[in-house]
C-alpha atoms as a PDB file:
ATOM      1  CA  MET A   1      -0.001  -0.012  -0.037  1.00  0.00           C
ATOM      2  CA  TYR A   2       1.349   3.427  -1.017  1.00  0.00           C
ATOM      3  CA  ILE A   3       0.811   6.250   1.437  1.00  0.00           C
ATOM      4  CA  SER A   4       2.604   9.460   0.572  1.00  0.00           C
ATOM      5  CA  SER A   5       0.171  11.916   2.038  1.00  0.00           C
ATOM      6  CA  ASP A   6      -3.228  12.067   3.629  1.00  0.00           C
ATOM      7  CA  ARG A   7      -3.839  15.536   2.095  1.00  0.00           C
ATOM      8  CA  ASN A   8      -5.996  15.777  -1.021  1.00  0.00           C
ATOM      9  CA  LEU A   9      -4.604  18.647  -3.071  1.00  0.00           C
ATOM     10  CA  ILE A  10      -6.843  17.812  -6.090  1.00  0.00           C
ATOM     11  CA  ASP A  11     -10.441  18.368  -4.970  1.00  0.00           C
ATOM     12  CA  PRO A  12     -10.975  21.826  -3.441  1.00  0.00           C
ATOM     13  CA  ARG A  13     -13.184  21.839  -0.330  1.00  0.00           C
ATOM     14  CA  LEU A  14     -13.740  24.494   2.349  1.00  0.00           C
ATOM     15  CA  PRO A  15     -16.523  23.818   4.881  1.00  0.00           C
ATOM     16  CA  VAL A  16     -17.684  27.180   6.040  1.00  0.00           C
ATOM     17  CA  GLN A  17     -17.382  27.564   9.839  1.00  0.00           C
ATOM     18  CA  TRP A  18     -18.091  31.258  10.145  1.00  0.00           C
ATOM     19  CA  VAL A  19     -19.363  34.122   8.065  1.00  0.00           C
ATOM     20  CA  VAL A  20     -17.158  37.161   8.734  1.00  0.00           C
ATOM     21  CA  ARG A  21     -19.111  40.448   8.568  1.00  0.00           C
ATOM     22  CA  PRO A  22     -17.244  43.078  10.651  1.00  0.00           C
ATOM     23  CA  GLN A  23     -19.311  46.029  11.627  1.00  0.00           C
ATOM     24  CA  ALA A  24     -16.481  48.532  11.017  1.00  0.00           C
ATOM     25  CA  THR A  25     -16.733  51.659   8.921  1.00  0.00           C
ATOM     26  CA  SER A  26     -13.249  50.933   7.481  1.00  0.00           C
ATOM     27  CA  VAL A  27     -14.581  47.789   5.781  1.00  0.00           C
ATOM     28  CA  PRO A  28     -18.369  48.410   5.284  1.00  0.00           C
ATOM     29  CA  ASP A  29     -18.815  45.822   2.574  1.00  0.00           C
ATOM     30  CA  TYR A  30     -16.528  43.019   3.791  1.00  0.00           C
ATOM     31  CA  ARG A  31     -17.955  39.538   3.666  1.00  0.00           C
ATOM     32  CA  GLY A  32     -15.718  36.509   4.013  1.00  0.00           C
ATOM     33  CA  TYR A  33     -16.253  32.804   4.679  1.00  0.00           C
ATOM     34  CA  ALA A  34     -13.926  31.344   7.218  1.00  0.00           C
ATOM     35  CA  GLY A  35     -13.040  27.657   7.548  1.00  0.00           C
ATOM     36  CA  ARG A  36     -10.258  25.091   7.426  1.00  0.00           C
ATOM     37  CA  VAL A  37      -9.326  24.019   3.955  1.00  0.00           C
ATOM     38  CA  ALA A  38     -10.238  20.307   3.764  1.00  0.00           C
ATOM     39  CA  GLY A  39      -8.873  19.582   0.241  1.00  0.00           C
ATOM     40  CA  GLY A  40      -7.407  21.106  -2.822  1.00  0.00           C
ATOM     41  CA  VAL A  41      -5.754  24.439  -3.357  1.00  0.00           C
ATOM     42  CA  PHE A  42      -7.645  27.828  -3.528  1.00  0.00           C
ATOM     43  CA  ARG A  43      -6.199  30.841  -5.346  1.00  0.00           C
ATOM     44  CA  PRO A  44      -7.710  34.229  -6.189  1.00  0.00           C
ATOM     45  CA  GLY A  45      -9.398  33.943  -9.548  1.00  0.00           C
ATOM     46  CA  ASP A  46     -10.336  30.278  -9.150  1.00  0.00           C
ATOM     47  CA  GLU A  47     -13.880  29.331 -10.071  1.00  0.00           C
ATOM     48  CA  VAL A  48     -15.781  27.712  -7.163  1.00  0.00           C
ATOM     49  CA  MET A  49     -19.243  26.224  -6.692  1.00  0.00           C
ATOM     50  CA  VAL A  50     -21.156  26.820  -3.435  1.00  0.00           C
ATOM     51  CA  LEU A  51     -22.851  23.650  -2.257  1.00  0.00           C
ATOM     52  CA  PRO A  52     -25.649  22.645  -1.866  1.00  0.00           C
ATOM     53  CA  SER A  53     -27.011  25.614  -3.987  1.00  0.00           C
ATOM     54  CA  GLY A  54     -24.748  24.956  -6.987  1.00  0.00           C
ATOM     55  CA  LEU A  55     -24.127  28.658  -7.554  1.00  0.00           C
ATOM     56  CA  VAL A  56     -20.745  29.290  -9.257  1.00  0.00           C
ATOM     57  CA  THR A  57     -18.525  32.325  -8.507  1.00  0.00           C
ATOM     58  CA  THR A  58     -14.856  33.101  -8.338  1.00  0.00           C
ATOM     59  CA  VAL A  59     -12.442  33.571  -5.384  1.00  0.00           C
ATOM     60  CA  ALA A  60     -11.855  37.362  -4.979  1.00  0.00           C
ATOM     61  CA  GLY A  61      -9.234  36.949  -2.240  1.00  0.00           C
ATOM     62  CA  ILE A  62      -7.899  34.844   0.614  1.00  0.00           C
ATOM     63  CA  ASP A  63      -7.269  36.342   3.985  1.00  0.00           C
ATOM     64  CA  THR A  64      -5.576  35.143   7.143  1.00  0.00           C
ATOM     65  CA  PHE A  65      -4.978  36.756  10.529  1.00  0.00           C
ATOM     66  CA  ALA A  66      -1.585  37.783   9.228  1.00  0.00           C
ATOM     67  CA  GLY A  67      -3.006  39.326   6.003  1.00  0.00           C
ATOM     68  CA  PRO A  68      -3.837  38.310   2.403  1.00  0.00           C
ATOM     69  CA  ILE A  69      -2.202  35.271   0.896  1.00  0.00           C
ATOM     70  CA  ASP A  70      -1.855  33.956  -2.727  1.00  0.00           C
ATOM     71  CA  GLU A  71      -3.030  30.409  -2.070  1.00  0.00           C
ATOM     72  CA  ALA A  72      -4.620  28.243   0.587  1.00  0.00           C
ATOM     73  CA  TYR A  73      -4.243  24.450   1.040  1.00  0.00           C
ATOM     74  CA  PRO A  74      -4.929  21.872   3.721  1.00  0.00           C
ATOM     75  CA  PRO A  75      -4.904  22.199   6.729  1.00  0.00           C
ATOM     76  CA  MET A  76      -4.772  26.083   6.650  1.00  0.00           C
ATOM     77  CA  SER A  77      -7.515  28.122   8.316  1.00  0.00           C
ATOM     78  CA  VAL A  78      -8.505  30.996   6.072  1.00  0.00           C
ATOM     79  CA  THR A  79     -11.217  33.412   5.144  1.00  0.00           C
ATOM     80  CA  ILE A  80     -12.255  33.402   1.512  1.00  0.00           C
ATOM     81  CA  ARG A  81     -13.836  36.363  -0.182  1.00  0.00           C
ATOM     82  CA  LEU A  82     -16.058  35.708  -3.169  1.00  0.00           C
ATOM     83  CA  ALA A  83     -16.470  37.931  -6.294  1.00  0.00           C
ATOM     84  CA  ASP A  84     -20.267  37.687  -6.238  1.00  0.00           C
ATOM     85  CA  ASP A  85     -22.859  38.177  -3.541  1.00  0.00           C
ATOM     86  CA  VAL A  86     -24.085  34.520  -3.035  1.00  0.00           C
ATOM     87  CA  ASP A  87     -25.965  33.005  -0.160  1.00  0.00           C
ATOM     88  CA  VAL A  88     -23.388  31.173   1.916  1.00  0.00           C
ATOM     89  CA  SER A  89     -23.863  30.256   5.577  1.00  0.00           C
ATOM     90  CA  ARG A  90     -22.254  28.102   8.214  1.00  0.00           C
ATOM     91  CA  GLY A  91     -22.332  24.493   7.097  1.00  0.00           C
ATOM     92  CA  THR A  92     -22.183  25.069   3.370  1.00  0.00           C
ATOM     93  CA  SER A  93     -19.020  24.498   1.416  1.00  0.00           C
ATOM     94  CA  SER A  94     -17.041  25.564  -1.611  1.00  0.00           C
ATOM     95  CA  ALA A  95     -15.831  23.171  -4.236  1.00  0.00           C
ATOM     96  CA  ALA A  96     -14.495  23.105  -7.756  1.00  0.00           C
ATOM     97  CA  PRO A  97     -17.342  23.196 -10.328  1.00  0.00           C
END
């Protein structure tokens, strides 16, 4: 049996654990979806599908406590911002279309 890694870097998955909506005047329109990347790699510009709705959008940006990053992969905890205003809540997930 071949075991090189238990991380799936092929199929992007991000179960949403928290919707980030700060009530600050410095970021009045900020909406991010926080969670721990369960699989795959996310990059700004990637097309993603929100499940279970099936709506497709793109990743506008990826934020961490330390600031924005260029890619996210397991087991990173990140906040993903989407290009479109879609209905995402705790318990939904993002995946490759």
